[in-house]
Amino acid sequence: MFLKICYRSLLLAVLIAARTVAADKPDAPGLPAKSHVYVTANFPRHVVAAKIRQLDNTPDSNPLTDAGATLGRVLFYDRQLSKNDTTACASCHLQENAFTDPRQFSRGFADGNTMRNSMSLANLRFTNVRGELPGFFWDERAATLEAQVLMPIQDKVEMGMELPELEEKLRKLPYYPPLFQAAFGSPKVTSEGISKAVAQFMRSMVSFDSRFDRAAVEADGDDYSMDFAAFTPEENLGKKLFIEGVSGVAEIGCAHCHVPPTFAMPKSFNIGLDFYYVDQGLGARDVPSNDPFTTSNDGKFRAPSLRNIALTAPYMHDGRFETLEQVIQHYSSGVHPHVNVALALDATEDGDKLATSGFVLADSERAALVAFLKTLTDDKFIHDPRFADPFVRLAD
C-alpha cells in the first residue's frame, strides 16, 4: 500500500511538472497511472535451460528497479539531453527498428553524421561470459553499460553536452527531481544517476518472444538441431545450416559467433569485410597505425545479436549491406583473405587464412538462411509500451 501511495504521489508530481514545462517546451513526459513492471522477466524454457541468468552483467551497484528503469526511459527519449534540444538517445535507436537506426550513419544534433552504424540495444544485459565482461560499442571502448550511456551524450557529433552542463540543464526541468527521488532516494540530478537509470532501462530491453522462441518452447527443450514443427522446410534447413554449420562442422558457421539463445557472442571478430581497413575497429585502440598487419585486432568488430535482424538494416559496422541477402552473399563468396579473419570463417582444409573464401552455399541454402533469420523477429518487443516514447510531442 505504501509503495502504491508513493507511486501515485510521484505520478501526480510528474504530471504537474509536465504541464508546467509544456507551457514553454514542446515536449512533456507522460507516465501510466500504474507503473510499468521492468524487474520481472519470465524467460521461456529453452532460454532458462541455456542458463541465461549466468550471462547477466547487472552490477551490484546498479540493480534493476521499476523506478530506475522508468527514469531511464524518460531520459532515453528526452531530446533535452542534447545541446540544442533536437536529439535523444532514441533518435538513433528507434523501437520500430529494434532500437537501431535505419540510416547507414546516424545524424547528430548539428546534422553531422556518426562514423558507424547504430547497434541494436536488445539483450545487452546478457554479455557476461565465464566472468568476462566485454566492452560495448563496435570497438568495445566502453567497459560497462553505465560507462557507455554517457559517451554519446558527450560526443561532439551525437549530442554535444558536457556533463556539468547537462546536470544543470536537467535540474531546471521540474519533472526530473521526483523521478530521481523515486529511483535513487534523492531529488538531485547527477550524471551518475543518469548513467545508472538509462543503463537500467536498456537492461530491461529483453527480447525472447519470436517465432523461433515459440517453436523452441513447443519442441520442449534447447536441442535446436531437431526440426521445429512450426517451421517450414526452408526455415528448418536454414536453422540447420545456422546451428550445425557448414557441412555439419559447428566450428565453421554462424552459431560460432552468434550463439543461441541470444544469437550473440560478446567478443569482436574480423569477418573479412576488407583486406585493408580504413576503420580498424578494435585494432585502432591498440596501435595508432594504418598498417593492417601491425595488430592482431585490426578489422575486429563486436559481434552483434541477430535477434530482430530483419528489422535492423543496414548491416555491419558501416552499414554497407542493405539486405540480409547481401550479408549472406558476403559470407558465401565475399570474405576477404585478411590475416585476422575469424576461425569460424576459415573453410579451407589447411587453415591458410590468406586463401579463405567463406562458406560455399547454394542459392537454396542462402535463401534458407535468410528465411531462418526472419524467424528471430520479436513483434511484441517493438510494440512493447514499456519501451515506447513517454513524451507527448506537442510540436515537431
Protein backbone atom coordinates (compact mmCIF):
# COMPACT_ATOMS: atom_id res chain seq x y z
CA MET A 1 0.00 0.00 0.00
CA PHE A 2 2.85 2.37 0.88
CA LEU A 3 4.51 1.75 -2.49
CA LYS A 4 1.23 2.42 -4.33
CA ILE A 5 0.77 5.72 -2.49
CA CYS A 6 4.38 6.69 -3.25
CA TYR A 7 3.94 5.92 -6.93
CA ARG A 8 0.68 7.88 -7.14
CA SER A 9 2.37 10.84 -5.45
CA LEU A 10 5.26 10.55 -7.87
CA LEU A 11 2.91 10.40 -10.85
CA LEU A 12 1.00 13.46 -9.65
CA ALA A 13 4.23 15.40 -9.17
CA VAL A 14 5.48 14.47 -12.63
CA LEU A 15 2.17 15.36 -14.30
CA ILE A 16 2.10 18.76 -12.59
CA ALA A 17 5.71 19.34 -13.58
CA ALA A 18 5.00 18.21 -17.13
CA ARG A 19 2.15 20.71 -17.52
CA THR A 20 4.44 23.47 -16.24
CA VAL A 21 7.16 22.55 -18.71
CA ALA A 22 4.69 22.19 -21.56
CA ALA A 23 3.91 25.89 -21.30
CA ASP A 24 7.30 26.79 -22.75
CA LYS A 25 8.72 23.49 -24.02
CA PRO A 26 7.42 21.39 -26.95
CA ASP A 27 7.74 18.08 -25.12
CA ALA A 28 6.25 16.80 -21.88
CA PRO A 29 6.68 13.32 -20.39
CA GLY A 30 3.65 11.28 -19.52
CA LEU A 31 3.62 8.14 -17.35
CA PRO A 32 0.91 5.49 -16.90
CA ALA A 33 -1.33 5.57 -13.84
CA LYS A 34 0.17 2.24 -12.81
CA SER A 35 3.91 1.78 -13.06
CA HIS A 36 5.24 -0.50 -15.78
CA VAL A 37 6.98 -3.60 -14.48
CA TYR A 38 10.58 -3.84 -15.64
CA VAL A 39 12.13 -6.08 -12.99
CA THR A 40 10.29 -9.35 -13.54
CA ALA A 41 11.31 -11.23 -16.66
CA ASN A 42 9.78 -14.61 -17.39
CA PHE A 43 12.12 -16.35 -19.78
CA PRO A 44 10.95 -19.24 -21.99
CA ARG A 45 12.13 -22.74 -21.07
CA HIS A 46 14.83 -23.03 -23.69
CA VAL A 47 16.32 -19.70 -22.58
CA VAL A 48 16.31 -20.78 -18.92
CA ALA A 49 17.91 -24.08 -19.94
CA ALA A 50 20.74 -22.11 -21.54
CA LYS A 51 21.46 -20.61 -18.09
CA ILE A 52 20.77 -17.10 -19.31
CA ARG A 53 20.95 -15.58 -15.84
CA GLN A 54 24.61 -16.52 -15.63
CA LEU A 55 25.20 -14.09 -18.50
CA ASP A 56 23.62 -11.17 -16.62
CA ASN A 57 26.06 -8.23 -16.43
CA THR A 58 24.00 -6.21 -13.92
CA PRO A 59 26.41 -4.85 -11.28
CA ASP A 60 25.59 -4.98 -7.58
CA SER A 61 25.93 -1.19 -7.54
CA ASN A 62 23.08 -0.73 -10.02
CA PRO A 63 20.30 -3.31 -9.62
CA LEU A 64 17.35 -3.06 -11.98
CA THR A 65 14.31 -1.39 -10.40
CA ASP A 66 10.98 -0.27 -11.83
CA ALA A 67 11.57 3.32 -10.70
CA GLY A 68 15.10 3.36 -12.09
CA ALA A 69 14.05 2.00 -15.47
CA THR A 70 11.13 4.46 -15.58
CA LEU A 71 13.55 7.35 -15.11
CA GLY A 72 15.85 5.77 -17.68
CA ARG A 73 13.01 5.59 -20.18
CA VAL A 74 12.27 9.31 -19.81
CA LEU A 75 15.96 10.19 -20.15
CA PHE A 76 16.36 7.88 -23.15
CA TYR A 77 13.64 9.70 -25.08
CA ASP A 78 14.32 13.24 -23.86
CA ARG A 79 15.75 15.45 -26.60
CA GLN A 80 16.83 17.96 -23.99
CA LEU A 81 19.82 15.75 -23.24
CA SER A 82 21.38 17.24 -26.38
CA LYS A 83 22.98 20.64 -26.88
CA ASN A 84 20.11 22.14 -28.88
CA ASP A 85 17.14 20.00 -27.72
CA THR A 86 16.92 18.13 -31.03
CA THR A 87 18.44 14.73 -30.33
CA ALA A 88 17.72 11.95 -27.84
CA CYS A 89 19.22 8.50 -27.40
CA ALA A 90 16.08 7.27 -29.15
CA SER A 91 16.84 9.41 -32.20
CA CYS A 92 19.47 6.84 -33.20
CA HIS A 93 17.80 3.81 -31.59
CA LEU A 94 14.22 3.51 -32.87
CA GLN A 95 11.88 0.99 -31.28
CA GLU A 96 10.29 0.02 -34.61
CA ASN A 97 13.77 -0.92 -35.83
CA ALA A 98 14.56 -2.96 -32.71
CA PHE A 99 16.37 0.08 -31.32
CA THR A 100 18.67 0.60 -34.28
CA ASP A 101 18.80 3.34 -36.93
CA PRO A 102 17.56 2.61 -40.49
CA ARG A 103 20.08 5.16 -41.77
CA GLN A 104 23.58 3.99 -42.63
CA PHE A 105 25.02 6.59 -40.25
CA SER A 106 23.07 8.37 -37.54
CA ARG A 107 22.55 12.13 -37.61
CA GLY A 108 23.78 14.17 -34.66
CA PHE A 109 22.42 17.31 -33.01
CA ALA A 110 24.13 19.63 -35.51
CA ASP A 111 23.32 17.45 -38.56
CA GLY A 112 26.73 15.79 -38.56
CA ASN A 113 26.93 12.06 -39.23
CA THR A 114 28.36 9.39 -36.96
CA MET A 115 31.21 7.21 -38.20
CA ARG A 116 29.45 3.88 -37.64
CA ASN A 117 26.03 2.29 -37.91
CA SER A 118 23.86 2.23 -34.79
CA MET A 119 23.83 -1.09 -32.90
CA SER A 120 20.75 -2.82 -31.50
CA LEU A 121 20.11 -2.48 -27.76
CA ALA A 122 18.18 -5.74 -27.28
CA ASN A 123 19.53 -8.15 -24.66
CA LEU A 124 22.58 -6.03 -23.78
CA ARG A 125 22.09 -7.35 -20.27
CA PHE A 126 23.41 -10.79 -21.21
CA THR A 127 27.11 -10.41 -22.04
CA ASN A 128 28.85 -11.91 -19.01
CA VAL A 129 30.64 -14.95 -20.42
CA ARG A 130 32.57 -17.00 -17.87
CA GLY A 131 33.04 -13.93 -15.73
CA GLU A 132 34.50 -11.91 -18.60
CA LEU A 133 32.77 -8.63 -19.37
CA PRO A 134 33.49 -7.42 -22.92
CA GLY A 135 33.24 -3.77 -23.84
CA PHE A 136 30.30 -2.09 -25.53
CA PHE A 137 30.15 -0.31 -28.92
CA TRP A 138 31.54 -1.80 -32.12
CA ASP A 139 35.10 -1.35 -30.81
CA GLU A 140 34.40 -2.31 -27.16
CA ARG A 141 35.63 1.07 -25.93
CA ALA A 142 33.10 1.26 -23.07
CA ALA A 143 33.94 -1.14 -20.24
CA THR A 144 30.39 -1.18 -18.83
CA LEU A 145 26.89 -0.29 -19.92
CA GLU A 146 26.92 2.52 -17.35
CA ALA A 147 30.03 4.00 -19.00
CA GLN A 148 28.57 3.53 -22.47
CA VAL A 149 25.47 5.60 -21.66
CA LEU A 150 27.38 8.84 -21.12
CA MET A 151 29.62 8.67 -24.19
CA PRO A 152 27.07 9.60 -26.92
CA ILE A 153 25.78 12.41 -24.70
CA GLN A 154 29.27 13.93 -24.59
CA ASP A 155 30.17 13.15 -28.20
CA LYS A 156 30.74 16.31 -30.25
CA VAL A 157 28.77 14.88 -33.19
CA GLU A 158 25.97 12.99 -31.46
CA MET A 159 24.56 15.09 -28.59
CA GLY A 160 27.28 17.61 -27.75
CA MET A 161 26.81 18.05 -23.99
CA GLU A 162 29.29 18.42 -21.13
CA LEU A 163 28.18 16.53 -18.02
CA PRO A 164 28.12 19.53 -15.62
CA GLU A 165 26.13 21.43 -18.22
CA LEU A 166 23.74 18.50 -18.59
CA GLU A 167 23.17 18.20 -14.85
CA GLU A 168 22.40 21.90 -14.55
CA LYS A 169 20.05 21.78 -17.53
CA LEU A 170 18.03 18.82 -16.25
CA ARG A 171 17.81 20.25 -12.73
CA LYS A 172 15.76 23.09 -14.18
CA LEU A 173 13.19 20.66 -15.61
CA PRO A 174 10.66 20.11 -12.81
CA TYR A 175 9.71 16.58 -13.82
CA TYR A 176 13.17 15.16 -13.08
CA PRO A 177 13.57 15.69 -9.30
CA PRO A 178 10.59 13.45 -8.38
CA LEU A 179 11.81 10.78 -10.82
CA PHE A 180 15.32 10.84 -9.34
CA GLN A 181 13.81 10.78 -5.84
CA ALA A 182 11.83 7.64 -6.67
CA ALA A 183 14.77 5.94 -8.36
CA PHE A 184 17.64 6.80 -6.02
CA GLY A 185 16.18 8.34 -2.87
CA SER A 186 17.33 11.86 -3.67
CA PRO A 187 15.89 14.53 -5.98
CA LYS A 188 19.37 15.64 -7.02
CA VAL A 189 20.10 15.22 -10.73
CA THR A 190 23.57 13.74 -11.24
CA SER A 191 25.44 12.28 -14.19
CA GLU A 192 25.92 9.10 -12.18
CA GLY A 193 22.17 8.82 -11.72
CA ILE A 194 21.61 9.48 -15.43
CA SER A 195 24.11 6.76 -16.29
CA LYS A 196 22.58 4.23 -13.92
CA ALA A 197 18.97 4.93 -14.89
CA VAL A 198 19.50 4.66 -18.65
CA ALA A 199 21.59 1.52 -18.13
CA GLN A 200 18.71 0.02 -16.15
CA PHE A 201 16.26 0.88 -18.91
CA MET A 202 18.48 -0.72 -21.53
CA ARG A 203 18.97 -3.85 -19.43
CA SER A 204 15.20 -4.17 -19.24
CA MET A 205 15.03 -4.46 -23.06
CA VAL A 206 14.76 -8.25 -23.18
CA SER A 207 13.68 -9.91 -26.43
CA PHE A 208 12.83 -13.62 -26.31
CA ASP A 209 9.39 -13.87 -27.94
CA SER A 210 9.99 -14.55 -31.63
CA ARG A 211 8.66 -17.36 -33.81
CA PHE A 212 11.93 -19.15 -33.12
CA ASP A 213 11.32 -18.95 -29.37
CA ARG A 214 7.74 -20.14 -29.58
CA ALA A 215 8.79 -23.05 -31.81
CA ALA A 216 11.61 -23.93 -29.40
CA VAL A 217 9.18 -23.94 -26.46
CA GLU A 218 6.84 -26.19 -28.43
CA ALA A 219 9.78 -28.53 -29.06
CA ASP A 220 10.26 -28.56 -25.26
CA GLY A 221 13.99 -28.16 -24.97
CA ASP A 222 17.16 -26.43 -26.04
CA ASP A 223 18.07 -29.03 -28.67
CA TYR A 224 17.94 -26.72 -31.65
CA SER A 225 19.19 -29.39 -34.05
CA MET A 226 15.80 -31.08 -34.33
CA ASP A 227 13.26 -29.82 -36.86
CA PHE A 228 10.65 -27.46 -35.44
CA ALA A 229 7.07 -28.43 -36.24
CA ALA A 230 6.06 -24.78 -36.57
CA PHE A 231 8.77 -24.07 -39.16
CA THR A 232 8.59 -24.50 -42.91
CA PRO A 233 11.06 -26.93 -44.54
CA GLU A 234 13.04 -23.92 -45.76
CA GLU A 235 13.20 -22.39 -42.26
CA ASN A 236 14.31 -25.71 -40.77
CA LEU A 237 17.04 -26.01 -43.40
CA GLY A 238 18.20 -22.51 -42.56
CA LYS A 239 18.21 -23.36 -38.86
CA LYS A 240 20.23 -26.50 -39.53
CA LEU A 241 22.81 -24.57 -41.55
CA PHE A 242 22.98 -21.84 -38.91
CA ILE A 243 23.23 -24.12 -35.86
CA GLU A 244 25.17 -27.10 -37.19
CA GLY A 245 27.46 -25.19 -39.50
CA VAL A 246 28.74 -25.76 -43.00
CA SER A 247 28.90 -29.47 -43.83
CA GLY A 248 27.88 -30.20 -40.25
CA VAL A 249 31.03 -28.65 -38.76
CA ALA A 250 29.78 -26.38 -35.97
CA GLU A 251 33.12 -24.59 -35.62
CA ILE A 252 32.68 -23.31 -39.16
CA GLY A 253 29.38 -21.50 -39.18
CA CYS A 254 27.06 -18.75 -37.97
CA ALA A 255 26.39 -20.06 -34.45
CA HIS A 256 30.08 -19.95 -33.56
CA CYS A 257 29.87 -16.13 -33.32
CA HIS A 258 26.10 -15.76 -32.84
CA VAL A 259 25.29 -18.29 -30.14
CA PRO A 260 21.66 -19.18 -29.33
CA PRO A 261 19.55 -18.24 -27.50
CA THR A 262 20.88 -14.65 -27.51
CA PHE A 263 22.31 -15.15 -31.01
CA ALA A 264 25.27 -13.09 -29.93
CA MET A 265 28.83 -13.53 -28.75
CA PRO A 266 30.20 -10.69 -26.64
CA LYS A 267 33.51 -10.69 -28.46
CA SER A 268 34.97 -9.00 -31.51
CA PHE A 269 35.85 -10.69 -34.79
CA ASN A 270 37.33 -9.90 -38.17
CA ILE A 271 34.86 -11.25 -40.73
CA GLY A 272 36.83 -10.41 -43.85
CA LEU A 273 34.88 -7.34 -44.88
CA ASP A 274 38.04 -5.78 -46.30
CA PHE A 275 41.65 -6.65 -46.91
CA TYR A 276 42.67 -3.13 -45.86
CA TYR A 277 40.56 -1.50 -43.14
CA VAL A 278 40.21 2.27 -43.08
CA ASP A 279 38.25 1.82 -39.85
CA GLN A 280 40.41 -0.62 -37.90
CA GLY A 281 37.79 -1.25 -35.24
CA LEU A 282 39.26 -2.79 -32.11
CA GLY A 283 42.70 -2.56 -33.69
CA ALA A 284 42.64 1.24 -33.71
CA ARG A 285 42.61 1.20 -29.92
CA ASP A 286 45.81 -0.87 -29.82
CA VAL A 287 48.11 0.69 -32.38
CA PRO A 288 47.73 4.18 -33.88
CA SER A 289 48.72 2.99 -37.31
CA ASN A 290 47.24 2.48 -40.76
CA ASP A 291 49.26 -0.69 -41.29
CA PRO A 292 46.73 -3.57 -41.42
CA PHE A 293 49.31 -6.05 -40.16
CA THR A 294 50.56 -4.24 -37.04
CA THR A 295 47.91 -5.61 -34.67
CA SER A 296 46.03 -8.88 -34.29
CA ASN A 297 42.90 -6.83 -33.54
CA ASP A 298 42.85 -4.99 -36.87
CA GLY A 299 39.43 -5.18 -38.51
CA LYS A 300 37.76 -6.74 -35.47
CA PHE A 301 34.30 -5.50 -34.51
CA ARG A 302 31.86 -6.59 -31.83
CA ALA A 303 29.60 -9.44 -32.94
CA PRO A 304 26.04 -8.07 -32.58
CA SER A 305 22.98 -10.06 -31.64
CA LEU A 306 20.97 -11.33 -34.60
CA ARG A 307 17.72 -11.03 -32.67
CA ASN A 308 15.27 -8.96 -34.76
CA ILE A 309 17.88 -8.86 -37.53
CA ALA A 310 15.22 -8.48 -40.24
CA LEU A 311 14.37 -5.08 -38.72
CA THR A 312 17.86 -3.69 -38.22
CA ALA A 313 19.13 -2.95 -41.74
CA PRO A 314 21.56 -1.71 -42.89
CA TYR A 315 24.13 -4.19 -41.67
CA MET A 316 27.75 -4.27 -40.44
CA HIS A 317 29.62 -1.58 -38.51
CA ASP A 318 29.49 0.73 -41.51
CA GLY A 319 26.03 -0.21 -42.78
CA ARG A 320 27.45 -1.34 -46.11
CA PHE A 321 24.85 -4.06 -46.75
CA GLU A 322 21.21 -3.10 -47.27
CA THR A 323 19.68 -6.59 -47.21
CA LEU A 324 20.13 -9.93 -45.48
CA GLU A 325 20.68 -11.47 -48.89
CA GLN A 326 23.74 -9.27 -49.35
CA VAL A 327 25.04 -10.28 -45.93
CA ILE A 328 24.72 -13.99 -46.71
CA GLN A 329 26.32 -13.41 -50.10
CA HIS A 330 29.32 -11.86 -48.35
CA TYR A 331 29.81 -14.94 -46.18
CA SER A 332 29.32 -17.18 -49.19
CA SER A 333 31.72 -15.55 -51.63
CA GLY A 334 32.84 -12.13 -50.42
CA VAL A 335 35.15 -12.85 -47.46
CA HIS A 336 38.47 -11.07 -47.97
CA PRO A 337 41.64 -13.01 -47.06
CA HIS A 338 42.77 -10.97 -44.07
CA VAL A 339 45.31 -12.48 -41.67
CA ASN A 340 42.98 -11.79 -38.73
CA VAL A 341 39.88 -13.38 -40.22
CA ALA A 342 37.86 -15.39 -37.69
CA LEU A 343 38.49 -19.12 -37.50
CA ALA A 344 34.76 -19.67 -37.94
CA LEU A 345 35.13 -18.34 -41.49
CA ASP A 346 38.19 -20.41 -42.33
CA ALA A 347 36.65 -23.02 -44.59
CA THR A 348 40.00 -24.10 -46.08
CA GLU A 349 41.31 -27.54 -45.23
CA ASP A 350 44.85 -26.40 -44.46
CA GLY A 351 43.83 -23.38 -42.36
CA ASP A 352 45.56 -20.96 -44.74
CA LYS A 353 43.70 -17.74 -43.93
CA LEU A 354 45.11 -15.96 -46.95
CA ALA A 355 43.13 -18.46 -49.04
CA THR A 356 39.89 -18.04 -47.09
CA SER A 357 36.81 -17.54 -49.24
CA GLY A 358 33.95 -18.07 -46.79
CA PHE A 359 31.21 -20.68 -46.94
CA VAL A 360 30.23 -22.38 -50.17
CA LEU A 361 26.45 -22.14 -50.25
CA ALA A 362 23.91 -22.99 -52.91
CA ASP A 363 21.22 -20.44 -53.80
CA SER A 364 18.63 -22.52 -51.93
CA GLU A 365 20.83 -22.60 -48.83
CA ARG A 366 21.32 -18.84 -48.87
CA ALA A 367 17.56 -18.36 -49.16
CA ALA A 368 17.02 -20.82 -46.30
CA LEU A 369 19.38 -18.91 -44.02
CA VAL A 370 17.52 -15.66 -44.72
CA ALA A 371 14.19 -17.39 -44.02
CA PHE A 372 15.51 -18.66 -40.69
CA LEU A 373 16.89 -15.27 -39.67
CA LYS A 374 13.46 -13.75 -40.20
CA THR A 375 12.05 -16.11 -37.54
CA LEU A 376 14.08 -14.17 -34.94
CA THR A 377 11.77 -11.12 -35.16
CA ASP A 378 10.01 -10.30 -31.88
CA ASP A 379 6.92 -8.25 -32.75
CA LYS A 380 5.93 -7.75 -29.12
CA PHE A 381 9.32 -6.22 -28.38
CA ILE A 382 8.96 -3.50 -30.98
CA HIS A 383 5.46 -2.63 -29.76
CA ASP A 384 6.01 -3.01 -26.01
CA PRO A 385 4.64 0.14 -24.28
CA ARG A 386 7.27 -0.20 -21.54
CA PHE A 387 9.92 0.76 -24.09
CA ALA A 388 7.89 3.34 -26.03
CA ASP A 389 8.30 7.12 -26.14
CA PRO A 390 6.74 8.57 -22.94
CA PHE A 391 6.65 12.11 -24.30
CA VAL A 392 3.61 13.88 -25.69
CA ARG A 393 5.00 15.54 -28.80
CA LEU A 394 3.18 18.86 -28.86
CA ALA A 395 5.31 20.22 -31.68
CA ASP A 396 7.77 18.58 -34.06
